[in-house]
N, C-alpha and C. Protein backbone atom coordinates (compact mmCIF):
# COMPACT_ATOMS: atom_id res chain seq x y z
N UNK A 1 3.97 -39.74 -33.58
CA UNK A 1 5.22 -40.46 -33.66
C UNK A 1 5.60 -40.95 -32.27
N UNK A 2 6.26 -42.04 -32.22
CA UNK A 2 6.68 -42.55 -30.92
C UNK A 2 7.70 -41.62 -30.25
N UNK A 3 7.75 -41.73 -28.96
CA UNK A 3 8.65 -40.89 -28.17
C UNK A 3 10.11 -41.16 -28.51
N UNK A 4 10.48 -42.40 -28.75
CA UNK A 4 11.88 -42.75 -29.01
C UNK A 4 12.37 -42.20 -30.35
N UNK A 5 11.47 -41.97 -31.28
CA UNK A 5 11.88 -41.49 -32.59
C UNK A 5 12.46 -40.06 -32.51
N UNK A 6 11.89 -39.22 -31.65
CA UNK A 6 12.35 -37.83 -31.51
C UNK A 6 13.39 -37.67 -30.41
N UNK A 7 13.84 -38.74 -29.81
CA UNK A 7 14.75 -38.65 -28.68
C UNK A 7 16.09 -38.01 -29.04
N UNK A 8 16.59 -38.24 -30.24
CA UNK A 8 17.89 -37.70 -30.62
C UNK A 8 17.84 -36.18 -30.77
N UNK A 9 16.68 -35.62 -31.10
CA UNK A 9 16.56 -34.18 -31.30
C UNK A 9 16.05 -33.43 -30.07
N UNK A 10 15.75 -34.12 -29.00
CA UNK A 10 15.19 -33.51 -27.81
C UNK A 10 16.26 -32.74 -27.04
N UNK A 11 15.90 -31.63 -26.41
CA UNK A 11 16.77 -30.81 -25.58
C UNK A 11 18.01 -30.33 -26.32
N UNK A 12 17.90 -29.92 -27.52
CA UNK A 12 19.05 -29.43 -28.29
C UNK A 12 19.00 -27.93 -28.50
N UNK A 13 18.17 -27.25 -27.74
CA UNK A 13 18.07 -25.81 -27.90
C UNK A 13 19.31 -25.16 -27.30
N UNK A 14 19.91 -24.21 -27.97
CA UNK A 14 21.09 -23.56 -27.41
C UNK A 14 20.72 -22.70 -26.20
N UNK A 15 21.60 -22.66 -25.23
CA UNK A 15 21.37 -21.87 -24.04
C UNK A 15 21.49 -20.39 -24.38
N UNK A 16 20.57 -19.59 -23.86
CA UNK A 16 20.58 -18.15 -24.13
C UNK A 16 21.79 -17.53 -23.44
N UNK A 17 22.49 -16.67 -24.14
CA UNK A 17 23.67 -16.01 -23.59
C UNK A 17 23.37 -14.52 -23.45
N UNK A 18 23.66 -14.02 -22.27
CA UNK A 18 23.45 -12.62 -22.00
C UNK A 18 24.81 -11.99 -21.74
N UNK A 19 25.03 -10.86 -22.30
CA UNK A 19 26.29 -10.17 -22.13
C UNK A 19 26.05 -8.90 -21.32
N UNK A 20 26.86 -8.72 -20.29
CA UNK A 20 26.77 -7.53 -19.47
C UNK A 20 27.50 -6.41 -20.18
N UNK A 21 26.81 -5.30 -20.39
CA UNK A 21 27.42 -4.20 -21.12
C UNK A 21 27.97 -3.12 -20.19
N UNK A 22 27.43 -3.03 -18.98
CA UNK A 22 27.89 -2.02 -18.04
C UNK A 22 28.27 -2.73 -16.74
N UNK A 23 29.52 -3.07 -16.57
CA UNK A 23 29.96 -3.88 -15.43
C UNK A 23 29.81 -3.15 -14.11
N UNK A 24 30.05 -1.85 -14.08
CA UNK A 24 29.96 -1.13 -12.81
C UNK A 24 28.52 -1.09 -12.29
N UNK A 25 27.55 -0.86 -13.18
CA UNK A 25 26.15 -0.89 -12.76
C UNK A 25 25.72 -2.29 -12.33
N UNK A 26 26.21 -3.30 -13.04
CA UNK A 26 25.87 -4.67 -12.69
C UNK A 26 26.44 -5.03 -11.32
N UNK A 27 27.67 -4.66 -11.05
CA UNK A 27 28.27 -4.94 -9.75
C UNK A 27 27.54 -4.21 -8.64
N UNK A 28 27.16 -2.98 -8.88
CA UNK A 28 26.43 -2.22 -7.86
C UNK A 28 25.06 -2.83 -7.61
N UNK A 29 24.39 -3.32 -8.63
CA UNK A 29 23.09 -3.96 -8.43
C UNK A 29 23.23 -5.24 -7.61
N UNK A 30 24.31 -5.97 -7.82
CA UNK A 30 24.55 -7.17 -7.00
C UNK A 30 24.83 -6.80 -5.55
N UNK A 31 25.53 -5.70 -5.32
CA UNK A 31 25.80 -5.26 -3.95
C UNK A 31 24.52 -4.83 -3.26
N UNK A 32 23.62 -4.16 -4.01
CA UNK A 32 22.38 -3.67 -3.41
C UNK A 32 21.41 -4.78 -3.04
N UNK A 33 21.60 -5.97 -3.55
CA UNK A 33 20.69 -7.07 -3.20
C UNK A 33 20.73 -7.38 -1.71
N UNK A 34 21.88 -7.19 -1.10
CA UNK A 34 22.02 -7.51 0.31
C UNK A 34 21.72 -6.38 1.26
N UNK A 35 21.32 -5.22 0.74
CA UNK A 35 21.05 -4.07 1.60
C UNK A 35 19.73 -4.25 2.34
N UNK A 36 19.74 -3.88 3.60
CA UNK A 36 18.54 -3.83 4.41
C UNK A 36 18.46 -2.42 4.96
N UNK A 37 17.42 -1.70 4.64
CA UNK A 37 17.26 -0.33 5.11
C UNK A 37 16.08 -0.29 6.06
N UNK A 38 16.35 0.11 7.28
CA UNK A 38 15.30 0.21 8.29
C UNK A 38 15.40 1.57 8.94
N UNK A 39 14.30 2.30 8.99
CA UNK A 39 14.26 3.59 9.65
C UNK A 39 13.56 3.42 10.98
N UNK A 40 14.15 3.98 12.01
CA UNK A 40 13.56 3.96 13.34
C UNK A 40 13.44 5.41 13.79
N UNK A 41 12.23 5.84 14.06
CA UNK A 41 12.03 7.22 14.47
C UNK A 41 12.38 7.39 15.95
N UNK A 42 12.56 8.62 16.36
CA UNK A 42 12.96 8.91 17.74
C UNK A 42 11.87 8.54 18.75
N UNK A 43 10.60 8.68 18.36
CA UNK A 43 9.54 8.34 19.30
C UNK A 43 9.48 6.84 19.57
N UNK A 44 9.90 6.02 18.61
CA UNK A 44 9.95 4.57 18.84
C UNK A 44 11.03 4.26 19.86
N UNK A 45 12.16 4.93 19.76
CA UNK A 45 13.24 4.71 20.73
C UNK A 45 12.79 5.14 22.12
N UNK A 46 12.03 6.23 22.21
CA UNK A 46 11.56 6.69 23.51
C UNK A 46 10.49 5.76 24.09
N UNK A 47 9.71 5.12 23.22
CA UNK A 47 8.65 4.22 23.69
C UNK A 47 9.11 2.77 23.79
N UNK A 48 10.41 2.50 23.62
CA UNK A 48 10.92 1.12 23.63
C UNK A 48 10.76 0.50 25.02
N UNK A 49 11.06 1.28 26.04
CA UNK A 49 10.92 0.77 27.41
C UNK A 49 9.48 0.95 27.88
N UNK A 50 9.04 0.01 28.67
CA UNK A 50 7.67 0.04 29.16
C UNK A 50 7.54 1.06 30.30
N UNK A 51 6.42 1.79 30.37
CA UNK A 51 6.24 2.71 31.49
C UNK A 51 6.04 1.93 32.79
N UNK A 52 6.38 2.57 33.90
CA UNK A 52 6.25 1.89 35.20
C UNK A 52 4.78 1.64 35.52
N UNK A 53 4.56 0.46 36.06
CA UNK A 53 3.20 0.10 36.46
C UNK A 53 2.92 0.60 37.87
N UNK A 54 1.69 0.97 38.11
CA UNK A 54 1.28 1.41 39.44
C UNK A 54 0.69 0.26 40.26
N UNK A 55 0.36 -0.85 39.59
CA UNK A 55 -0.26 -1.98 40.27
C UNK A 55 0.80 -2.93 40.79
N UNK A 56 0.37 -3.93 41.51
CA UNK A 56 1.29 -4.92 42.08
C UNK A 56 1.84 -5.81 40.98
N UNK A 57 2.99 -6.39 41.26
CA UNK A 57 3.60 -7.31 40.31
C UNK A 57 4.89 -6.75 39.77
N UNK A 58 5.56 -7.58 39.02
CA UNK A 58 6.84 -7.17 38.46
C UNK A 58 6.69 -6.14 37.36
N UNK A 59 7.73 -5.38 37.20
CA UNK A 59 7.72 -4.36 36.15
C UNK A 59 8.19 -4.98 34.84
N UNK A 60 7.48 -4.71 33.77
CA UNK A 60 7.92 -5.20 32.46
C UNK A 60 8.95 -4.23 31.91
N UNK A 61 9.99 -4.77 31.29
CA UNK A 61 11.07 -3.94 30.77
C UNK A 61 10.73 -3.34 29.41
N UNK A 62 10.05 -4.11 28.58
CA UNK A 62 9.84 -3.72 27.18
C UNK A 62 8.38 -3.40 26.94
N UNK A 63 8.15 -2.38 26.13
CA UNK A 63 6.78 -2.02 25.80
C UNK A 63 6.22 -3.01 24.77
N UNK A 64 4.92 -2.95 24.58
CA UNK A 64 4.29 -3.79 23.56
C UNK A 64 4.79 -3.42 22.17
N UNK A 65 5.14 -2.15 21.98
CA UNK A 65 5.68 -1.70 20.70
C UNK A 65 7.00 -2.39 20.39
N UNK A 66 7.87 -2.54 21.39
CA UNK A 66 9.16 -3.21 21.19
C UNK A 66 8.96 -4.67 20.82
N UNK A 67 8.05 -5.34 21.49
CA UNK A 67 7.76 -6.75 21.20
C UNK A 67 7.17 -6.87 19.80
N UNK A 68 6.26 -5.96 19.45
CA UNK A 68 5.64 -6.00 18.12
C UNK A 68 6.66 -5.77 17.02
N UNK A 69 7.60 -4.86 17.22
CA UNK A 69 8.63 -4.60 16.21
C UNK A 69 9.50 -5.83 16.02
N UNK A 70 9.92 -6.44 17.12
CA UNK A 70 10.77 -7.64 17.03
C UNK A 70 10.05 -8.78 16.33
N UNK A 71 8.80 -9.01 16.69
CA UNK A 71 8.06 -10.11 16.08
C UNK A 71 7.71 -9.82 14.62
N UNK A 72 7.53 -8.56 14.26
CA UNK A 72 7.30 -8.21 12.87
C UNK A 72 8.53 -8.49 12.03
N UNK A 73 9.71 -8.12 12.55
CA UNK A 73 10.96 -8.43 11.85
C UNK A 73 11.15 -9.93 11.74
N UNK A 74 10.71 -10.66 12.74
CA UNK A 74 10.80 -12.12 12.69
C UNK A 74 9.98 -12.69 11.55
N UNK A 75 8.77 -12.18 11.38
CA UNK A 75 7.89 -12.68 10.33
C UNK A 75 8.40 -12.27 8.96
N UNK A 76 8.87 -11.03 8.84
CA UNK A 76 9.32 -10.54 7.54
C UNK A 76 10.52 -11.32 7.04
N UNK A 77 11.49 -11.57 7.92
CA UNK A 77 12.71 -12.24 7.50
C UNK A 77 12.70 -13.74 7.78
N UNK A 78 11.58 -14.27 8.28
CA UNK A 78 11.41 -15.71 8.55
C UNK A 78 12.53 -16.25 9.44
N UNK A 79 12.66 -15.64 10.62
CA UNK A 79 13.73 -16.00 11.54
C UNK A 79 13.17 -16.74 12.75
N UNK A 80 13.94 -17.66 13.32
CA UNK A 80 13.58 -18.20 14.63
C UNK A 80 13.76 -17.12 15.71
N UNK A 81 13.25 -17.39 16.90
CA UNK A 81 13.26 -16.37 17.94
C UNK A 81 14.67 -15.96 18.36
N UNK A 82 15.59 -16.91 18.48
CA UNK A 82 16.95 -16.56 18.89
C UNK A 82 17.65 -15.72 17.83
N UNK A 83 17.42 -16.05 16.57
CA UNK A 83 18.02 -15.25 15.50
C UNK A 83 17.38 -13.87 15.42
N UNK A 84 16.11 -13.77 15.77
CA UNK A 84 15.44 -12.47 15.81
C UNK A 84 16.08 -11.59 16.87
N UNK A 85 16.36 -12.17 18.03
CA UNK A 85 17.01 -11.43 19.09
C UNK A 85 18.37 -10.90 18.64
N UNK A 86 19.15 -11.75 17.98
CA UNK A 86 20.46 -11.33 17.49
C UNK A 86 20.36 -10.29 16.39
N UNK A 87 19.36 -10.42 15.51
CA UNK A 87 19.18 -9.48 14.41
C UNK A 87 18.82 -8.09 14.94
N UNK A 88 17.90 -8.01 15.89
CA UNK A 88 17.49 -6.72 16.44
C UNK A 88 18.65 -6.12 17.24
N UNK A 89 19.41 -6.96 17.95
CA UNK A 89 20.57 -6.47 18.68
C UNK A 89 21.60 -5.86 17.72
N UNK A 90 21.82 -6.53 16.59
CA UNK A 90 22.76 -6.02 15.59
C UNK A 90 22.26 -4.71 14.98
N UNK A 91 20.96 -4.62 14.70
CA UNK A 91 20.40 -3.38 14.15
C UNK A 91 20.58 -2.21 15.12
N UNK A 92 20.34 -2.46 16.41
CA UNK A 92 20.51 -1.41 17.41
C UNK A 92 21.97 -0.99 17.50
N UNK A 93 22.88 -1.96 17.41
CA UNK A 93 24.31 -1.65 17.46
C UNK A 93 24.74 -0.86 16.23
N UNK A 94 24.26 -1.25 15.03
CA UNK A 94 24.63 -0.54 13.82
C UNK A 94 24.09 0.89 13.79
N UNK A 95 22.93 1.11 14.40
CA UNK A 95 22.35 2.45 14.42
C UNK A 95 22.92 3.30 15.56
N UNK A 96 23.74 2.69 16.41
CA UNK A 96 24.35 3.43 17.51
C UNK A 96 23.38 3.78 18.61
N UNK A 97 22.37 2.95 18.81
CA UNK A 97 21.36 3.20 19.85
C UNK A 97 21.60 2.24 21.01
N UNK A 98 21.42 2.74 22.20
CA UNK A 98 21.60 1.92 23.39
C UNK A 98 20.26 1.30 23.78
N UNK A 99 19.78 0.38 22.95
CA UNK A 99 18.51 -0.30 23.22
C UNK A 99 18.79 -1.67 23.82
N UNK A 100 18.05 -2.02 24.85
CA UNK A 100 18.13 -3.36 25.41
C UNK A 100 17.11 -4.20 24.66
N UNK A 101 17.57 -5.28 24.04
CA UNK A 101 16.72 -6.10 23.18
C UNK A 101 16.11 -7.23 24.00
N UNK A 102 14.81 -7.49 23.83
CA UNK A 102 14.19 -8.61 24.55
C UNK A 102 14.79 -9.94 24.12
N UNK A 103 14.95 -10.84 25.08
CA UNK A 103 15.49 -12.16 24.72
C UNK A 103 14.40 -13.03 24.12
N UNK A 104 14.79 -14.18 23.60
CA UNK A 104 13.85 -15.01 22.85
C UNK A 104 12.71 -15.53 23.70
N UNK A 105 12.96 -15.82 24.98
CA UNK A 105 11.87 -16.33 25.82
C UNK A 105 10.86 -15.23 26.12
N UNK A 106 11.33 -13.99 26.27
CA UNK A 106 10.41 -12.87 26.47
C UNK A 106 9.57 -12.63 25.22
N UNK A 107 10.20 -12.73 24.05
CA UNK A 107 9.45 -12.57 22.79
C UNK A 107 8.37 -13.63 22.67
N UNK A 108 8.71 -14.86 23.03
CA UNK A 108 7.74 -15.94 22.92
C UNK A 108 6.59 -15.75 23.91
N UNK A 109 6.94 -15.43 25.16
CA UNK A 109 5.92 -15.30 26.21
C UNK A 109 5.02 -14.09 25.97
N UNK A 110 5.62 -12.95 25.65
CA UNK A 110 4.82 -11.74 25.46
C UNK A 110 4.10 -11.71 24.12
N UNK A 111 4.64 -12.41 23.12
CA UNK A 111 4.01 -12.43 21.81
C UNK A 111 2.71 -13.20 21.79
N UNK A 112 2.57 -14.13 22.74
CA UNK A 112 1.36 -14.95 22.77
C UNK A 112 0.12 -14.13 23.10
N UNK A 113 0.22 -13.20 24.03
CA UNK A 113 -0.94 -12.41 24.44
C UNK A 113 -0.92 -10.99 23.92
N UNK A 114 -0.10 -10.72 22.92
CA UNK A 114 0.06 -9.36 22.41
C UNK A 114 -1.15 -8.95 21.59
N UNK A 115 -1.67 -7.78 21.90
CA UNK A 115 -2.79 -7.23 21.13
C UNK A 115 -2.23 -6.16 20.20
N UNK A 116 -2.37 -6.40 18.91
CA UNK A 116 -1.84 -5.48 17.91
C UNK A 116 -2.98 -4.64 17.38
N UNK A 117 -2.78 -3.33 17.37
CA UNK A 117 -3.80 -2.45 16.82
C UNK A 117 -3.67 -2.45 15.30
N UNK A 118 -4.71 -2.86 14.60
CA UNK A 118 -4.61 -2.90 13.14
C UNK A 118 -4.63 -1.51 12.53
N UNK A 119 -3.90 -1.36 11.45
CA UNK A 119 -3.91 -0.11 10.70
C UNK A 119 -4.97 -0.23 9.62
N UNK A 120 -6.00 0.56 9.76
CA UNK A 120 -7.12 0.46 8.83
C UNK A 120 -6.78 1.13 7.52
N UNK A 121 -7.21 0.49 6.44
CA UNK A 121 -7.07 1.09 5.13
C UNK A 121 -8.35 0.81 4.36
N UNK A 122 -8.71 1.74 3.52
CA UNK A 122 -9.94 1.60 2.76
C UNK A 122 -9.73 0.59 1.64
N UNK A 123 -10.66 -0.33 1.52
CA UNK A 123 -10.58 -1.35 0.48
C UNK A 123 -11.54 -0.99 -0.64
N UNK A 124 -11.06 -1.13 -1.87
CA UNK A 124 -11.91 -0.81 -3.00
C UNK A 124 -12.85 -1.97 -3.32
N UNK A 125 -12.45 -3.18 -2.96
CA UNK A 125 -13.27 -4.37 -3.20
C UNK A 125 -13.61 -5.03 -1.87
N UNK A 126 -14.65 -5.86 -1.84
CA UNK A 126 -14.94 -6.57 -0.60
C UNK A 126 -13.84 -7.59 -0.30
N UNK A 127 -13.54 -7.77 0.97
CA UNK A 127 -12.51 -8.71 1.40
C UNK A 127 -13.18 -9.88 2.09
N UNK A 128 -12.81 -11.09 1.71
CA UNK A 128 -13.34 -12.29 2.33
C UNK A 128 -12.28 -12.82 3.29
N UNK A 129 -12.65 -12.99 4.54
CA UNK A 129 -11.74 -13.49 5.57
C UNK A 129 -12.19 -14.88 5.95
N UNK A 130 -11.29 -15.86 5.79
CA UNK A 130 -11.64 -17.26 6.02
C UNK A 130 -10.70 -17.84 7.06
N UNK A 131 -11.28 -18.50 8.06
CA UNK A 131 -10.48 -19.20 9.05
C UNK A 131 -10.90 -20.66 9.01
N UNK A 132 -9.96 -21.54 8.72
CA UNK A 132 -10.25 -22.97 8.73
C UNK A 132 -9.12 -23.67 9.47
N UNK A 133 -9.05 -24.99 9.33
CA UNK A 133 -8.05 -25.75 10.08
C UNK A 133 -6.63 -25.44 9.65
N UNK A 134 -6.43 -24.92 8.45
CA UNK A 134 -5.08 -24.59 7.99
C UNK A 134 -4.65 -23.20 8.39
N UNK A 135 -5.55 -22.38 8.89
CA UNK A 135 -5.19 -21.05 9.33
C UNK A 135 -6.06 -19.97 8.73
N UNK A 136 -5.59 -18.75 8.81
CA UNK A 136 -6.32 -17.58 8.36
C UNK A 136 -5.97 -17.28 6.91
N UNK A 137 -6.99 -17.02 6.10
CA UNK A 137 -6.78 -16.69 4.70
C UNK A 137 -7.58 -15.45 4.36
N UNK A 138 -7.01 -14.59 3.56
CA UNK A 138 -7.69 -13.38 3.12
C UNK A 138 -7.80 -13.44 1.61
N UNK A 139 -9.01 -13.33 1.09
CA UNK A 139 -9.25 -13.34 -0.35
C UNK A 139 -10.01 -12.08 -0.71
N UNK A 140 -9.70 -11.55 -1.86
CA UNK A 140 -10.43 -10.38 -2.33
C UNK A 140 -11.54 -10.81 -3.27
N UNK A 141 -12.73 -10.32 -3.05
CA UNK A 141 -13.84 -10.61 -3.95
C UNK A 141 -14.25 -12.08 -3.96
N UNK A 142 -14.25 -12.69 -5.14
CA UNK A 142 -14.70 -14.06 -5.30
C UNK A 142 -13.55 -15.06 -5.29
N UNK A 143 -12.42 -14.73 -4.72
CA UNK A 143 -11.27 -15.64 -4.70
C UNK A 143 -11.57 -16.93 -3.96
N UNK A 144 -12.41 -16.84 -2.92
CA UNK A 144 -12.73 -18.03 -2.15
C UNK A 144 -13.54 -19.01 -2.99
N UNK A 145 -14.50 -18.51 -3.75
CA UNK A 145 -15.31 -19.37 -4.60
C UNK A 145 -14.45 -20.06 -5.65
N UNK A 146 -13.51 -19.32 -6.21
CA UNK A 146 -12.63 -19.90 -7.23
C UNK A 146 -11.77 -21.00 -6.63
N UNK A 147 -11.28 -20.80 -5.41
CA UNK A 147 -10.45 -21.83 -4.80
C UNK A 147 -11.28 -23.03 -4.35
N UNK A 148 -12.46 -22.79 -3.83
CA UNK A 148 -13.28 -23.89 -3.32
C UNK A 148 -13.84 -24.76 -4.44
N UNK A 149 -14.31 -24.12 -5.51
CA UNK A 149 -14.97 -24.86 -6.57
C UNK A 149 -14.06 -25.22 -7.74
N UNK A 150 -12.80 -24.84 -7.67
CA UNK A 150 -11.83 -25.27 -8.67
C UNK A 150 -11.91 -24.55 -9.99
N UNK A 151 -12.49 -23.37 -10.02
CA UNK A 151 -12.51 -22.63 -11.28
C UNK A 151 -11.13 -22.05 -11.52
N UNK A 152 -10.92 -21.61 -12.75
CA UNK A 152 -9.60 -21.06 -13.12
C UNK A 152 -9.33 -19.80 -12.32
N UNK A 153 -8.13 -19.71 -11.80
CA UNK A 153 -7.75 -18.52 -11.04
C UNK A 153 -7.30 -17.44 -12.01
N UNK A 154 -7.54 -16.21 -11.62
CA UNK A 154 -7.13 -15.09 -12.46
C UNK A 154 -5.61 -14.99 -12.48
N UNK A 155 -5.08 -14.56 -13.58
CA UNK A 155 -3.64 -14.41 -13.69
C UNK A 155 -3.14 -13.25 -12.89
N UNK A 156 -2.00 -13.42 -12.24
CA UNK A 156 -1.43 -12.32 -11.47
C UNK A 156 -0.81 -11.33 -12.42
N UNK A 157 -0.96 -10.06 -12.11
CA UNK A 157 -0.36 -9.03 -12.96
C UNK A 157 0.78 -8.38 -12.23
């Protein structure tokens, strides 16, 4: 049948209506959406400042751990560098810790040459690591073949 023939009956499905039966639980779930819980152990606070160097040159204020924590929070929350500085400063203030937070230029400069020690975990399947012009990609098993040759991708569970 032509498209115009069914036009009068198109999009006439009633909108689904949901009724909240427990308002207090619903309100609390909405409040919990904005919660951010971050635990900082005491050894991280002790290692925040960089140890004194014995060689010539200026002393660095922040350890590599402090820079790594700030840049990790930046990636997780998708923040620019200045907002990352403000976010970490606010976290330190809320936790009542007297931490000096690296500024955005220090994060940028030190993040470029930062060596991060990877946390190894045992993989049950082989991992394919691909680096191309678009960046680094990690695929498990035959995911690369499926993407390259256009076969159907497995459904996410």
